[in-house]
């Protein structure tokens, strides 16, 4: 990442000028840094619906980089280590991508435009299957088609370092720089070999449906990660780190990739400890030097020897509701929204310390996709302000005598979310609503689609840990019909139109009008119940350099290759 390297050079020069390097050399560099996150790591592929909800983006941003990464405040930053992307003048948005000529995977295979074609093919939603009931579904289990569905074609010669991405007429995506980013570019040569096709590019260009189907089968599940059961040949890296091993005892071990063409990582070994590890025990044992978890989610943490801070993140803590079963009728969803004690939950669990007067973490979240620090938040949040929650009498009237049981699932154990469910159960009981805690250590948001729970308690787009960016894209597509991250199967044609128009609309006045309409529509339909901007606790061991909290889906590991710990 060029910006971070330049900053590091300036710091070294400044230190030399001040005569401080001698003092630094008296300390030994720690050769391995442990990084604790509050999510599971079950796949290498962050683009699948399963991967997007897990810790894949937090774990592999510097293992599978792309043309951009999510910076600390949530904006996309170009990563020229991967290559360059430049707009070609013309009436239709056309972007010329040029991969770094030195780019190569850790298995020796060059990075090529085949990787871009695979990313586009997997995310564009064009390849579908029809079941015996006439229903169609994408063959690729992508979390979202945002941006990629606006691309008409990707011109690429197999094995080339160049790709020309041509968007559809009238679909000038305002957030195109977020495409082909960290975690999006999976190794196409691995998928092609597993699918037994000559290349991804030739298979897609020839319209070979059987071949595309086999590629999809592998893309969906072939990069699954199971601790202790890795065929490392399937997981080559294109970044400064590569996977060395993964086990319950030793965590996910990343080591320096000797094929990496950029600056060498500051620390040769990073160990990622997922939620399934005994985080308090690992911290006490000295195996963890970086912590990035939901505030209050893990009790019993001892952070002596750390510099700890609590930040309001860009992840929207929310209840994602089914649109079938007990919540099939919008009236029942709205009744449930009335009794959920949103104000009390924010006061008790939604912030750490004194909240700011405005912006992220300032109060109850009254929107689904407009960020609380956006200029348009006040008008967009107006409909939600009147529905503060905790209105059991109103909910009881709205239910008209019905007494539903609501099963709320989430990835456990999670102390804060457990308390959240308990508070909702107490507040909704007088309305005749029975709330059951359905947390599980192997919980996934697909349980909502399968009908084994009625609501999911999670962050933006059902992310269990670090989630969200400064752009509304993920939150919007999580409620768009047909999106892989739309676990509640919410469907509203007008909202779909709003999502599609916001993706290409540059005019701020029009964006305001659309956003207000969209947020009002969602309050009327109640597919989710927003709670607050998730507070997160970030802690860095004393002596750790270049560590910077990141309040987005990338987590604090966004620049892990710059970390250096001296003691």
Protein backbone atom coordinates (compact mmCIF):
# COMPACT_ATOMS: atom_id res chain seq x y z
CA UNK A 1 0.00 0.00 0.00
CA UNK A 2 1.87 3.04 -1.27
CA UNK A 3 0.48 5.58 1.21
CA UNK A 4 1.55 3.56 4.23
CA UNK A 5 5.04 2.92 2.87
CA UNK A 6 5.57 6.60 2.15
CA UNK A 7 4.46 7.47 5.66
CA UNK A 8 6.88 4.90 7.08
CA UNK A 9 9.78 6.46 5.16
CA UNK A 10 8.95 9.88 6.53
CA UNK A 11 8.84 8.52 10.07
CA UNK A 12 12.24 6.89 9.70
CA UNK A 13 13.79 10.06 8.28
CA UNK A 14 12.26 12.08 11.09
CA UNK A 15 13.56 9.67 13.69
CA UNK A 16 17.06 9.76 12.25
CA UNK A 17 17.04 13.54 12.30
CA UNK A 18 16.08 13.46 15.93
CA UNK A 19 18.74 10.88 16.78
CA UNK A 20 16.19 8.34 17.99
CA UNK A 21 17.18 5.29 15.98
CA UNK A 22 19.80 4.25 18.51
CA UNK A 23 17.17 3.95 21.20
CA UNK A 24 14.96 1.85 18.94
CA UNK A 25 17.79 -0.55 18.09
CA UNK A 26 18.19 -1.41 21.77
CA UNK A 27 14.86 -3.18 21.61
CA UNK A 28 14.28 -6.54 19.95
CA UNK A 29 11.61 -6.90 17.31
CA UNK A 30 8.93 -9.45 18.16
CA UNK A 31 8.85 -11.92 15.21
CA UNK A 32 5.15 -12.85 15.50
CA UNK A 33 2.04 -10.79 16.27
CA UNK A 34 -1.30 -12.25 17.36
CA UNK A 35 -4.52 -10.63 16.11
CA UNK A 36 -7.84 -11.42 17.82
CA UNK A 37 -11.15 -10.87 16.00
CA UNK A 38 -14.79 -11.47 16.97
CA UNK A 39 -15.76 -13.61 14.01
CA UNK A 40 -15.14 -17.04 12.57
CA UNK A 41 -12.94 -17.79 9.55
CA UNK A 42 -14.57 -20.48 7.45
CA UNK A 43 -13.63 -19.54 3.89
CA UNK A 44 -10.89 -17.89 1.85
CA UNK A 45 -13.52 -16.35 -0.41
CA UNK A 46 -14.96 -13.17 1.11
CA UNK A 47 -17.21 -12.67 -1.91
CA UNK A 48 -19.60 -15.51 -1.13
CA UNK A 49 -22.63 -14.88 1.05
CA UNK A 50 -21.01 -17.05 3.72
CA UNK A 51 -17.65 -15.33 3.41
CA UNK A 52 -19.05 -11.80 3.60
CA UNK A 53 -20.70 -12.54 6.95
CA UNK A 54 -17.53 -14.04 8.44
CA UNK A 55 -14.06 -12.67 9.17
CA UNK A 56 -12.64 -13.31 5.69
CA UNK A 57 -12.29 -9.62 4.83
CA UNK A 58 -10.59 -8.87 8.13
CA UNK A 59 -8.24 -11.84 7.80
CA UNK A 60 -7.23 -11.77 4.14
CA UNK A 61 -7.06 -8.12 3.03
CA UNK A 62 -3.26 -8.41 2.88
CA UNK A 63 -3.30 -11.96 1.53
CA UNK A 64 -5.64 -11.34 -1.43
CA UNK A 65 -5.33 -7.61 -2.19
CA UNK A 66 -6.93 -5.87 -5.13
CA UNK A 67 -6.99 -2.51 -6.84
CA UNK A 68 -8.27 -0.85 -3.67
CA UNK A 69 -8.76 -1.36 0.05
CA UNK A 70 -11.06 0.13 2.66
CA UNK A 71 -9.23 2.78 4.66
CA UNK A 72 -9.72 3.58 8.36
CA UNK A 73 -12.62 5.98 7.79
CA UNK A 74 -14.41 3.76 5.29
CA UNK A 75 -13.42 5.20 1.91
CA UNK A 76 -11.80 3.14 -0.86
CA UNK A 77 -8.08 3.83 -1.30
CA UNK A 78 -6.27 2.77 -4.47
CA UNK A 79 -3.65 0.05 -4.03
CA UNK A 80 -1.11 0.42 -6.82
CA UNK A 81 0.82 -2.66 -5.70
CA UNK A 82 -1.87 -4.70 -7.47
CA UNK A 83 -1.94 -2.44 -10.51
CA UNK A 84 -3.57 0.67 -11.90
CA UNK A 85 -7.09 1.57 -12.98
CA UNK A 86 -7.76 4.50 -15.30
CA UNK A 87 -10.92 5.76 -16.95
CA UNK A 88 -10.89 5.79 -20.73
CA UNK A 89 -12.63 8.88 -22.19
CA UNK A 90 -15.95 8.17 -23.88
CA UNK A 91 -19.73 8.21 -23.51
CA UNK A 92 -19.83 4.88 -21.69
CA UNK A 93 -17.81 4.36 -18.50
CA UNK A 94 -14.78 2.31 -19.51
CA UNK A 95 -11.90 1.53 -17.16
CA UNK A 96 -8.52 0.21 -18.20
CA UNK A 97 -7.05 -2.11 -15.56
CA UNK A 98 -3.36 -2.96 -15.75
CA UNK A 99 -2.02 -5.53 -13.32
CA UNK A 100 1.46 -5.04 -11.91
CA UNK A 101 3.88 -6.67 -14.38
CA UNK A 102 5.74 -8.23 -11.43
CA UNK A 103 2.56 -9.58 -9.85
CA UNK A 104 2.66 -13.31 -9.13
CA UNK A 105 0.88 -15.70 -6.79
CA UNK A 106 2.79 -17.51 -4.09
CA UNK A 107 2.63 -20.69 -6.22
CA UNK A 108 4.52 -18.92 -9.02
CA UNK A 109 1.50 -18.28 -11.30
CA UNK A 110 1.30 -14.67 -12.55
CA UNK A 111 -1.66 -12.50 -11.61
CA UNK A 112 -3.67 -11.94 -14.79
CA UNK A 113 -6.87 -10.40 -16.09
CA UNK A 114 -8.42 -13.87 -15.72
CA UNK A 115 -8.79 -12.98 -12.03
CA UNK A 116 -10.89 -9.92 -12.95
CA UNK A 117 -13.07 -11.98 -15.28
CA UNK A 118 -13.69 -14.50 -12.51
CA UNK A 119 -14.67 -11.73 -10.07
CA UNK A 120 -17.06 -10.17 -12.57
CA UNK A 121 -18.57 -13.50 -13.60
CA UNK A 122 -19.15 -14.55 -10.01
CA UNK A 123 -20.77 -11.27 -8.94
CA UNK A 124 -22.76 -10.06 -11.95
CA UNK A 125 -25.81 -12.29 -11.33
CA UNK A 126 -26.27 -13.21 -14.99
CA UNK A 127 -25.70 -16.94 -14.72
CA UNK A 128 -28.74 -18.65 -13.21
CA UNK A 129 -30.38 -22.01 -12.70
CA UNK A 130 -34.10 -22.74 -12.78
CA UNK A 131 -35.52 -25.30 -10.37
CA UNK A 132 -38.44 -27.66 -10.98
CA UNK A 133 -40.84 -25.01 -9.66
CA UNK A 134 -39.70 -22.42 -12.19
CA UNK A 135 -37.75 -20.31 -9.70
CA UNK A 136 -34.39 -18.97 -10.81
CA UNK A 137 -31.33 -18.34 -8.69
CA UNK A 138 -27.73 -17.34 -9.47
CA UNK A 139 -25.32 -20.25 -9.80
CA UNK A 140 -22.67 -18.20 -8.00
CA UNK A 141 -23.47 -17.68 -4.32
CA UNK A 142 -22.23 -14.08 -4.28
CA UNK A 143 -23.10 -11.85 -1.35
CA UNK A 144 -23.85 -8.94 -3.68
CA UNK A 145 -23.90 -7.97 -7.34
CA UNK A 146 -23.31 -4.29 -6.55
CA UNK A 147 -21.38 -2.59 -9.32
CA UNK A 148 -20.53 -5.81 -11.13
CA UNK A 149 -24.06 -6.12 -12.51
CA UNK A 150 -23.53 -2.73 -14.16
CA UNK A 151 -20.57 -4.02 -16.20
CA UNK A 152 -21.40 -5.03 -19.76
CA UNK A 153 -18.20 -6.95 -20.41
CA UNK A 154 -14.58 -7.45 -19.39
CA UNK A 155 -12.27 -7.59 -22.40
CA UNK A 156 -9.34 -9.85 -21.56
CA UNK A 157 -6.97 -12.13 -23.40
CA UNK A 158 -6.25 -15.20 -21.24
CA UNK A 159 -3.02 -14.70 -19.32
CA UNK A 160 -2.79 -10.98 -20.09
CA UNK A 161 -1.96 -8.29 -17.55
CA UNK A 162 -4.52 -5.92 -19.14
CA UNK A 163 -8.31 -5.81 -18.91
CA UNK A 164 -10.78 -3.31 -20.29
CA UNK A 165 -13.96 -3.09 -18.23
CA UNK A 166 -16.90 -1.63 -20.13
CA UNK A 167 -20.03 -0.62 -18.22
CA UNK A 168 -23.52 -0.75 -19.64
CA UNK A 169 -24.82 2.45 -21.25
CA UNK A 170 -26.39 4.67 -18.60
CA UNK A 171 -24.81 2.69 -15.73
CA UNK A 172 -21.92 4.93 -14.73
CA UNK A 173 -21.38 3.47 -11.27
CA UNK A 174 -20.38 6.24 -8.86
CA UNK A 175 -18.50 3.77 -6.64
CA UNK A 176 -16.64 1.87 -9.37
CA UNK A 177 -13.30 2.25 -7.55
CA UNK A 178 -14.55 -0.20 -4.92
CA UNK A 179 -14.74 -2.97 -7.56
CA UNK A 180 -12.00 -5.58 -7.92
CA UNK A 181 -10.79 -4.66 -4.45
CA UNK A 182 -9.20 -6.58 -1.60
CA UNK A 183 -10.84 -9.99 -1.28
CA UNK A 184 -12.54 -9.80 -4.69
CA UNK A 185 -9.73 -11.14 -6.86
CA UNK A 186 -9.58 -14.86 -6.27
CA UNK A 187 -6.98 -17.02 -8.10
CA UNK A 188 -8.68 -17.87 -11.38
CA UNK A 189 -6.07 -20.50 -12.29
CA UNK A 190 -7.07 -22.52 -9.22
CA UNK A 191 -10.77 -22.32 -10.11
CA UNK A 192 -10.05 -23.30 -13.72
CA UNK A 193 -8.02 -26.33 -12.68
CA UNK A 194 -10.66 -27.48 -10.19
CA UNK A 195 -13.42 -27.04 -12.79
CA UNK A 196 -11.36 -28.82 -15.47
CA UNK A 197 -11.62 -25.96 -17.97
CA UNK A 198 -8.81 -24.46 -20.10
CA UNK A 199 -9.27 -21.03 -18.48
CA UNK A 200 -12.01 -18.96 -16.87
CA UNK A 201 -11.81 -16.42 -19.69
CA UNK A 202 -12.28 -18.86 -22.57
CA UNK A 203 -15.06 -20.67 -20.71
CA UNK A 204 -17.00 -17.47 -20.09
CA UNK A 205 -16.37 -16.03 -23.55
CA UNK A 206 -17.54 -19.25 -25.24
CA UNK A 207 -20.71 -19.41 -23.12
CA UNK A 208 -19.89 -22.93 -21.92
CA UNK A 209 -22.71 -23.32 -19.38
CA UNK A 210 -21.46 -26.64 -18.03
CA UNK A 211 -17.98 -25.23 -17.51
CA UNK A 212 -19.35 -22.09 -15.88
CA UNK A 213 -21.43 -24.29 -13.61
CA UNK A 214 -18.35 -26.21 -12.50
CA UNK A 215 -16.47 -22.96 -11.91
CA UNK A 216 -19.40 -21.75 -9.80
CA UNK A 217 -19.46 -24.95 -7.77
CA UNK A 218 -15.82 -24.47 -6.87
CA UNK A 219 -16.09 -20.70 -6.32
CA UNK A 220 -18.98 -21.26 -3.91
CA UNK A 221 -17.40 -23.89 -1.68
CA UNK A 222 -13.95 -24.88 -2.97
CA UNK A 223 -12.13 -22.32 -0.87
CA UNK A 224 -13.73 -23.43 2.40
CA UNK A 225 -11.37 -23.31 5.38
CA UNK A 226 -11.51 -26.02 8.02
CA UNK A 227 -8.98 -25.87 10.83
CA UNK A 228 -6.44 -28.66 10.46
CA UNK A 229 -7.69 -29.74 7.02
CA UNK A 230 -6.01 -27.52 4.44
CA UNK A 231 -4.71 -28.38 1.00
CA UNK A 232 -2.49 -25.31 0.76
CA UNK A 233 -2.15 -25.69 -3.01
CA UNK A 234 -5.71 -24.32 -3.28
CA UNK A 235 -4.90 -21.15 -1.32
CA UNK A 236 -2.13 -19.25 -3.11
CA UNK A 237 -1.59 -15.64 -2.10
CA UNK A 238 -1.17 -12.52 -4.20
CA UNK A 239 -0.27 -10.33 -1.21
CA UNK A 240 2.51 -9.76 1.31
CA UNK A 241 1.28 -12.67 3.45
CA UNK A 242 0.24 -16.24 2.68
CA UNK A 243 -1.41 -18.95 4.73
CA UNK A 244 1.04 -21.32 6.40
CA UNK A 245 -1.36 -23.31 8.61
CA UNK A 246 -4.71 -23.23 10.38
CA UNK A 247 -5.58 -25.15 13.52
CA UNK A 248 -7.67 -24.71 16.63
CA UNK A 249 -4.55 -24.87 18.78
CA UNK A 250 -2.33 -22.47 16.85
CA UNK A 251 -4.80 -20.21 15.05
CA UNK A 252 -4.64 -19.06 11.42
CA UNK A 253 -0.95 -18.53 10.75
CA UNK A 254 0.09 -16.08 8.03
CA UNK A 255 3.72 -15.80 7.00
CA UNK A 256 5.60 -13.53 4.63
CA UNK A 257 5.05 -14.44 0.98
CA UNK A 258 8.48 -14.80 -0.62
CA UNK A 259 6.95 -14.21 -4.06
CA UNK A 260 5.57 -10.78 -3.04
CA UNK A 261 6.89 -8.04 -5.30
CA UNK A 262 6.23 -5.09 -2.97
CA UNK A 263 7.79 -3.97 0.29
CA UNK A 264 8.44 -6.83 2.69
CA UNK A 265 6.04 -7.11 5.65
CA UNK A 266 7.23 -5.40 8.81
CA UNK A 267 6.64 -8.58 10.81
CA UNK A 268 7.20 -11.98 9.20
CA UNK A 269 4.40 -13.83 11.00
CA UNK A 270 0.83 -12.89 11.94
CA UNK A 271 -1.44 -15.26 13.85
CA UNK A 272 -5.16 -14.57 13.60
CA UNK A 273 -7.23 -15.83 16.51
CA UNK A 274 -10.92 -16.17 15.56
CA UNK A 275 -13.91 -16.00 17.86
CA UNK A 276 -13.75 -19.74 18.46
CA UNK A 277 -10.44 -19.37 20.29
CA UNK A 278 -10.32 -18.64 24.02
CA UNK A 279 -9.54 -14.96 23.52
CA UNK A 280 -9.20 -14.03 27.23
CA UNK A 281 -6.89 -16.98 27.72
CA UNK A 282 -4.84 -16.20 24.60
CA UNK A 283 -4.44 -12.58 25.71
CA UNK A 284 -3.38 -13.58 29.21
CA UNK A 285 -0.88 -16.05 27.75
CA UNK A 286 0.69 -13.29 25.66
CA UNK A 287 -0.36 -14.78 22.32
CA UNK A 288 -2.35 -11.68 21.28
CA UNK A 289 -1.02 -8.18 20.60
CA UNK A 290 -3.94 -6.73 18.59
CA UNK A 291 -7.60 -6.95 19.64
CA UNK A 292 -10.55 -5.82 17.49
CA UNK A 293 -13.92 -6.94 18.89
CA UNK A 294 -17.40 -5.64 19.58
CA UNK A 295 -17.40 -3.69 22.84
CA UNK A 296 -18.71 -5.80 25.69
CA UNK A 297 -18.89 -8.94 23.54
CA UNK A 298 -16.16 -10.85 25.35
CA UNK A 299 -16.22 -10.66 29.16
CA UNK A 300 -13.13 -11.14 31.29
CA UNK A 301 -10.59 -9.46 29.02
CA UNK A 302 -7.43 -8.23 30.72
CA UNK A 303 -5.88 -5.53 28.57
CA UNK A 304 -2.98 -4.57 30.84
CA UNK A 305 -0.04 -3.75 28.62
CA UNK A 306 -2.33 -2.57 25.81
CA UNK A 307 -3.46 0.83 24.64
CA UNK A 308 -7.21 0.37 24.30
CA UNK A 309 -9.82 2.58 22.69
CA UNK A 310 -13.52 2.30 21.98
CA UNK A 311 -14.79 3.55 18.64
CA UNK A 312 -18.18 3.83 16.97
CA UNK A 313 -17.90 1.69 13.87
CA UNK A 314 -19.55 1.81 10.46
CA UNK A 315 -21.37 -1.42 11.20
CA UNK A 316 -25.09 -0.95 11.87
CA UNK A 317 -26.15 -3.19 14.74
CA UNK A 318 -29.61 -4.37 13.79
CA UNK A 319 -32.26 -7.05 13.86
CA UNK A 320 -32.75 -8.58 10.41
CA UNK A 321 -36.25 -10.02 10.18
CA UNK A 322 -37.65 -12.83 8.08
CA UNK A 323 -40.45 -11.99 5.67
CA UNK A 324 -42.00 -15.44 6.06
CA UNK A 325 -43.21 -17.48 8.98
CA UNK A 326 -44.12 -15.44 12.03
CA UNK A 327 -42.96 -12.26 10.28
CA UNK A 328 -44.66 -12.82 6.94
CA UNK A 329 -46.99 -9.86 7.51
CA UNK A 330 -45.49 -6.37 7.71
CA UNK A 331 -47.95 -5.58 10.51
CA UNK A 332 -46.27 -8.18 12.74
CA UNK A 333 -42.80 -6.91 11.85
CA UNK A 334 -43.88 -3.36 12.68
CA UNK A 335 -45.44 -4.48 15.95
CA UNK A 336 -42.18 -6.15 16.91
CA UNK A 337 -40.30 -2.98 15.97
CA UNK A 338 -42.57 -1.02 18.30
CA UNK A 339 -41.69 -3.09 21.36
CA UNK A 340 -37.93 -3.41 20.75
CA UNK A 341 -36.47 -0.92 23.29
CA UNK A 342 -34.16 0.87 20.88
CA UNK A 343 -33.44 3.89 23.10
CA UNK A 344 -32.77 1.76 26.17
CA UNK A 345 -30.51 -0.56 24.18
CA UNK A 346 -28.43 2.36 22.99
CA UNK A 347 -28.17 3.75 26.52
CA UNK A 348 -27.15 0.40 28.00
CA UNK A 349 -25.18 -1.31 25.22
CA UNK A 350 -24.81 1.01 22.23
CA UNK A 351 -21.93 3.19 23.33
CA UNK A 352 -18.90 3.25 25.61
CA UNK A 353 -18.30 6.45 27.52
CA UNK A 354 -20.01 9.70 26.64
CA UNK A 355 -21.45 9.62 23.10
CA UNK A 356 -20.73 12.57 20.79
CA UNK A 357 -23.47 15.08 20.08
CA UNK A 358 -23.65 14.16 16.38
CA UNK A 359 -22.25 11.64 13.95
CA UNK A 360 -21.26 8.02 14.41
CA UNK A 361 -22.29 6.64 17.78
CA UNK A 362 -24.22 9.72 18.82
CA UNK A 363 -27.56 8.02 19.44
CA UNK A 364 -30.13 5.50 18.35
CA UNK A 365 -29.68 4.61 14.69
CA UNK A 366 -32.74 5.68 12.72
CA UNK A 367 -31.70 4.62 9.22
CA UNK A 368 -30.80 1.45 7.38
CA UNK A 369 -28.40 2.70 4.73
CA UNK A 370 -27.75 6.40 5.36
CA UNK A 371 -24.79 6.73 7.71
CA UNK A 372 -25.34 8.68 10.93
CA UNK A 373 -22.46 11.04 10.05
CA UNK A 374 -23.82 11.81 6.57
CA UNK A 375 -25.08 15.31 5.82
CA UNK A 376 -28.44 13.88 4.75
CA UNK A 377 -28.92 11.85 7.94
CA UNK A 378 -31.35 14.28 9.68
CA UNK A 379 -34.00 14.27 6.92
CA UNK A 380 -33.43 10.60 6.07
CA UNK A 381 -33.86 9.57 9.71
CA UNK A 382 -37.03 11.56 10.41
CA UNK A 383 -39.40 8.58 10.10
CA UNK A 384 -37.38 6.56 12.57
CA UNK A 385 -37.12 9.30 15.18
CA UNK A 386 -40.80 8.89 15.99
CA UNK A 387 -40.38 5.14 16.59
CA UNK A 388 -38.05 4.99 19.57
CA UNK A 389 -39.25 1.54 20.61
CA UNK A 390 -40.20 0.14 23.99
CA UNK A 391 -43.90 0.62 23.23
CA UNK A 392 -45.35 -2.69 24.41
CA UNK A 393 -48.95 -1.40 24.61
CA UNK A 394 -48.77 -0.13 21.04
CA UNK A 395 -47.25 -3.40 19.88
CA UNK A 396 -50.00 -5.37 21.59
CA UNK A 397 -52.70 -3.37 19.85
CA UNK A 398 -50.94 -3.75 16.50
CA UNK A 399 -50.81 -7.54 16.94
CA UNK A 400 -54.57 -7.71 17.40
CA UNK A 401 -54.45 -10.58 19.87
CA UNK A 402 -51.67 -12.58 18.19
CA UNK A 403 -48.94 -13.93 20.48
CA UNK A 404 -45.94 -14.72 18.26
CA UNK A 405 -42.72 -16.39 19.33
CA UNK A 406 -39.57 -14.79 17.89
CA UNK A 407 -36.30 -16.75 17.76
CA UNK A 408 -33.30 -14.40 17.54
CA UNK A 409 -30.09 -15.96 16.25
CA UNK A 410 -26.54 -14.66 16.34
CA UNK A 411 -22.98 -15.94 16.40
CA UNK A 412 -22.20 -16.80 19.99
CA UNK A 413 -20.99 -16.58 22.58
CA UNK A 414 -21.43 -12.82 22.61
CA UNK A 415 -22.13 -11.18 25.93
CA UNK A 416 -23.42 -7.90 24.53
CA UNK A 417 -25.78 -9.55 22.08
CA UNK A 418 -26.97 -11.95 24.78
CA UNK A 419 -27.89 -8.94 26.91
CA UNK A 420 -29.55 -7.34 23.89
CA UNK A 421 -31.83 -10.33 23.35
CA UNK A 422 -32.64 -10.52 27.06
CA UNK A 423 -33.62 -6.83 27.10
CA UNK A 424 -35.82 -7.29 24.03
CA UNK A 425 -37.49 -10.33 25.60
CA UNK A 426 -38.32 -8.37 28.75
CA UNK A 427 -39.60 -5.34 26.83
CA UNK A 428 -41.76 -7.35 24.40
CA UNK A 429 -43.25 -9.82 26.88
CA UNK A 430 -46.09 -7.44 27.92
CA UNK A 431 -47.06 -7.19 24.23
CA UNK A 432 -47.60 -10.95 24.07
CA UNK A 433 -44.38 -11.60 22.17
CA UNK A 434 -42.14 -14.41 23.40
CA UNK A 435 -38.48 -13.87 22.48
CA UNK A 436 -36.08 -16.81 22.48
CA UNK A 437 -32.28 -16.60 22.34
CA UNK A 438 -31.12 -18.84 19.45
CA UNK A 439 -27.38 -18.10 19.52
CA UNK A 440 -24.95 -20.79 18.43
CA UNK A 441 -21.19 -21.10 18.01
CA UNK A 442 -21.75 -22.29 14.43
CA UNK A 443 -24.55 -19.84 13.64
CA UNK A 444 -24.77 -18.36 10.14
CA UNK A 445 -27.34 -15.88 8.84
CA UNK A 446 -28.53 -18.51 6.36
CA UNK A 447 -30.56 -19.86 9.28
CA UNK A 448 -32.98 -16.98 8.64
CA UNK A 449 -33.51 -18.08 5.05
CA UNK A 450 -33.91 -21.68 6.16
CA UNK A 451 -36.55 -20.77 8.74
CA UNK A 452 -34.75 -22.02 11.85
CA UNK A 453 -34.74 -18.49 13.31
CA UNK A 454 -37.05 -15.53 12.83
CA UNK A 455 -34.49 -12.74 13.25
CA UNK A 456 -30.74 -12.30 13.09
CA UNK A 457 -28.87 -9.94 15.42
CA UNK A 458 -25.81 -8.75 13.51
CA UNK A 459 -24.13 -5.80 11.83
CA UNK A 460 -24.29 -4.38 8.32
CA UNK A 461 -25.28 -7.04 5.74
CA UNK A 462 -25.46 -9.62 8.57
CA UNK A 463 -21.76 -9.34 9.39
CA UNK A 464 -21.05 -10.89 12.78
CA UNK A 465 -17.86 -8.91 13.42
CA UNK A 466 -16.25 -5.88 11.76
CA UNK A 467 -18.55 -4.67 8.98
CA UNK A 468 -19.63 -1.69 6.88
CA UNK A 469 -17.92 1.03 4.87
CA UNK A 470 -18.52 4.73 4.33
CA UNK A 471 -20.53 3.94 1.20
CA UNK A 472 -24.15 2.72 1.57
CA UNK A 473 -23.69 -0.03 -1.03
CA UNK A 474 -23.59 -3.09 1.24
CA UNK A 475 -26.51 -1.91 3.35
CA UNK A 476 -28.60 -1.15 0.26
CA UNK A 477 -27.95 -4.45 -1.48
CA UNK A 478 -28.62 -6.38 1.72
CA UNK A 479 -32.26 -5.36 1.23
CA UNK A 480 -32.42 -5.63 -2.55
CA UNK A 481 -34.38 -8.59 -3.93
CA UNK A 482 -32.15 -11.37 -5.24
CA UNK A 483 -29.05 -10.30 -3.33
CA UNK A 484 -27.14 -13.06 -1.55
CA UNK A 485 -26.87 -10.98 1.61
CA UNK A 486 -30.65 -10.36 1.70
CA UNK A 487 -31.20 -13.15 4.22
CA UNK A 488 -34.72 -12.08 5.14
CA UNK A 489 -35.80 -12.27 1.46
CA UNK A 490 -37.27 -8.78 1.60
CA UNK A 491 -38.67 -7.73 -1.76
CA UNK A 492 -40.09 -4.39 -2.79
CA UNK A 493 -39.96 -3.32 -6.48
CA UNK A 494 -39.81 0.37 -5.68
CA UNK A 495 -36.96 -0.12 -3.24
CA UNK A 496 -35.10 -2.14 -5.88
CA UNK A 497 -35.44 0.83 -8.25
CA UNK A 498 -34.13 3.19 -5.57
CA UNK A 499 -31.08 0.97 -5.00
CA UNK A 500 -30.36 0.80 -8.73
CA UNK A 501 -30.69 4.57 -9.18
CA UNK A 502 -28.56 5.46 -6.15
CA UNK A 503 -25.75 3.35 -7.60
CA UNK A 504 -25.36 5.75 -10.54
CA UNK A 505 -26.85 9.01 -9.26
CA UNK A 506 -24.24 11.79 -8.81
CA UNK A 507 -26.65 14.66 -8.07
CA UNK A 508 -26.76 15.29 -4.29
CA UNK A 509 -30.31 16.68 -4.33
CA UNK A 510 -31.63 13.65 -6.17
CA UNK A 511 -29.71 11.35 -3.83
CA UNK A 512 -31.32 13.08 -0.88
CA UNK A 513 -34.81 12.64 -2.32
CA UNK A 514 -34.21 8.99 -3.11
CA UNK A 515 -32.66 8.29 0.28
CA UNK A 516 -35.53 9.86 2.21
CA UNK A 517 -38.04 7.90 0.12
CA UNK A 518 -36.10 4.69 0.61
CA UNK A 519 -35.73 5.07 4.37
CA UNK A 520 -39.43 5.95 4.75
CA UNK A 521 -40.37 2.89 2.71
CA UNK A 522 -38.26 0.66 4.93
CA UNK A 523 -39.85 2.00 8.10
CA UNK A 524 -43.22 1.16 6.59
CA UNK A 525 -42.17 -2.39 5.66
CA UNK A 526 -39.83 -3.01 8.65
CA UNK A 527 -37.51 -5.66 7.14
CA UNK A 528 -34.96 -4.75 9.79
CA UNK A 529 -34.93 -2.94 13.13
CA UNK A 530 -31.87 -0.66 13.34
CA UNK A 531 -30.37 -0.24 16.80
CA UNK A 532 -27.07 1.68 16.87
CA UNK A 533 -23.64 2.10 15.29
CA UNK A 534 -21.81 -0.84 16.77
CA UNK A 535 -19.21 0.21 19.36
CA UNK A 536 -15.94 -1.68 19.00
CA UNK A 537 -12.99 -2.10 21.32
CA UNK A 538 -9.60 -1.89 19.64
CA UNK A 539 -6.44 -2.57 21.63
CA UNK A 540 -2.78 -2.55 20.59
CA UNK A 541 0.06 -3.91 22.68
CA UNK A 542 2.41 -1.27 24.03
CA UNK A 543 5.31 -0.86 21.63
CA UNK A 544 3.35 -1.77 18.50
CA UNK A 545 3.98 0.63 15.63
CA UNK A 546 1.88 1.52 12.57
CA UNK A 547 -1.29 0.08 14.11
CA UNK A 548 -4.34 2.19 13.21
CA UNK A 549 -7.95 1.37 14.15
CA UNK A 550 -10.24 0.82 11.19
CA UNK A 551 -13.96 1.24 11.89
CA UNK A 552 -15.00 -0.77 8.79
CA UNK A 553 -15.28 -4.32 7.50
CA UNK A 554 -11.49 -4.38 7.02
CA UNK A 555 -10.86 -4.22 10.77
CA UNK A 556 -7.58 -3.22 12.34
CA UNK A 557 -5.69 -5.72 10.18
CA UNK A 558 -6.14 -3.52 7.12
CA UNK A 559 -2.40 -2.64 7.21
CA UNK A 560 -1.01 -5.60 9.16
CA UNK A 561 2.00 -5.79 6.84
CA UNK A 562 3.21 -2.50 8.36
CA UNK A 563 3.00 -3.67 11.99
CA UNK A 564 6.22 -3.79 13.98
CA UNK A 565 6.42 -4.63 17.69
CA UNK A 566 9.60 -3.94 19.64
CA UNK A 567 10.22 -4.86 23.24
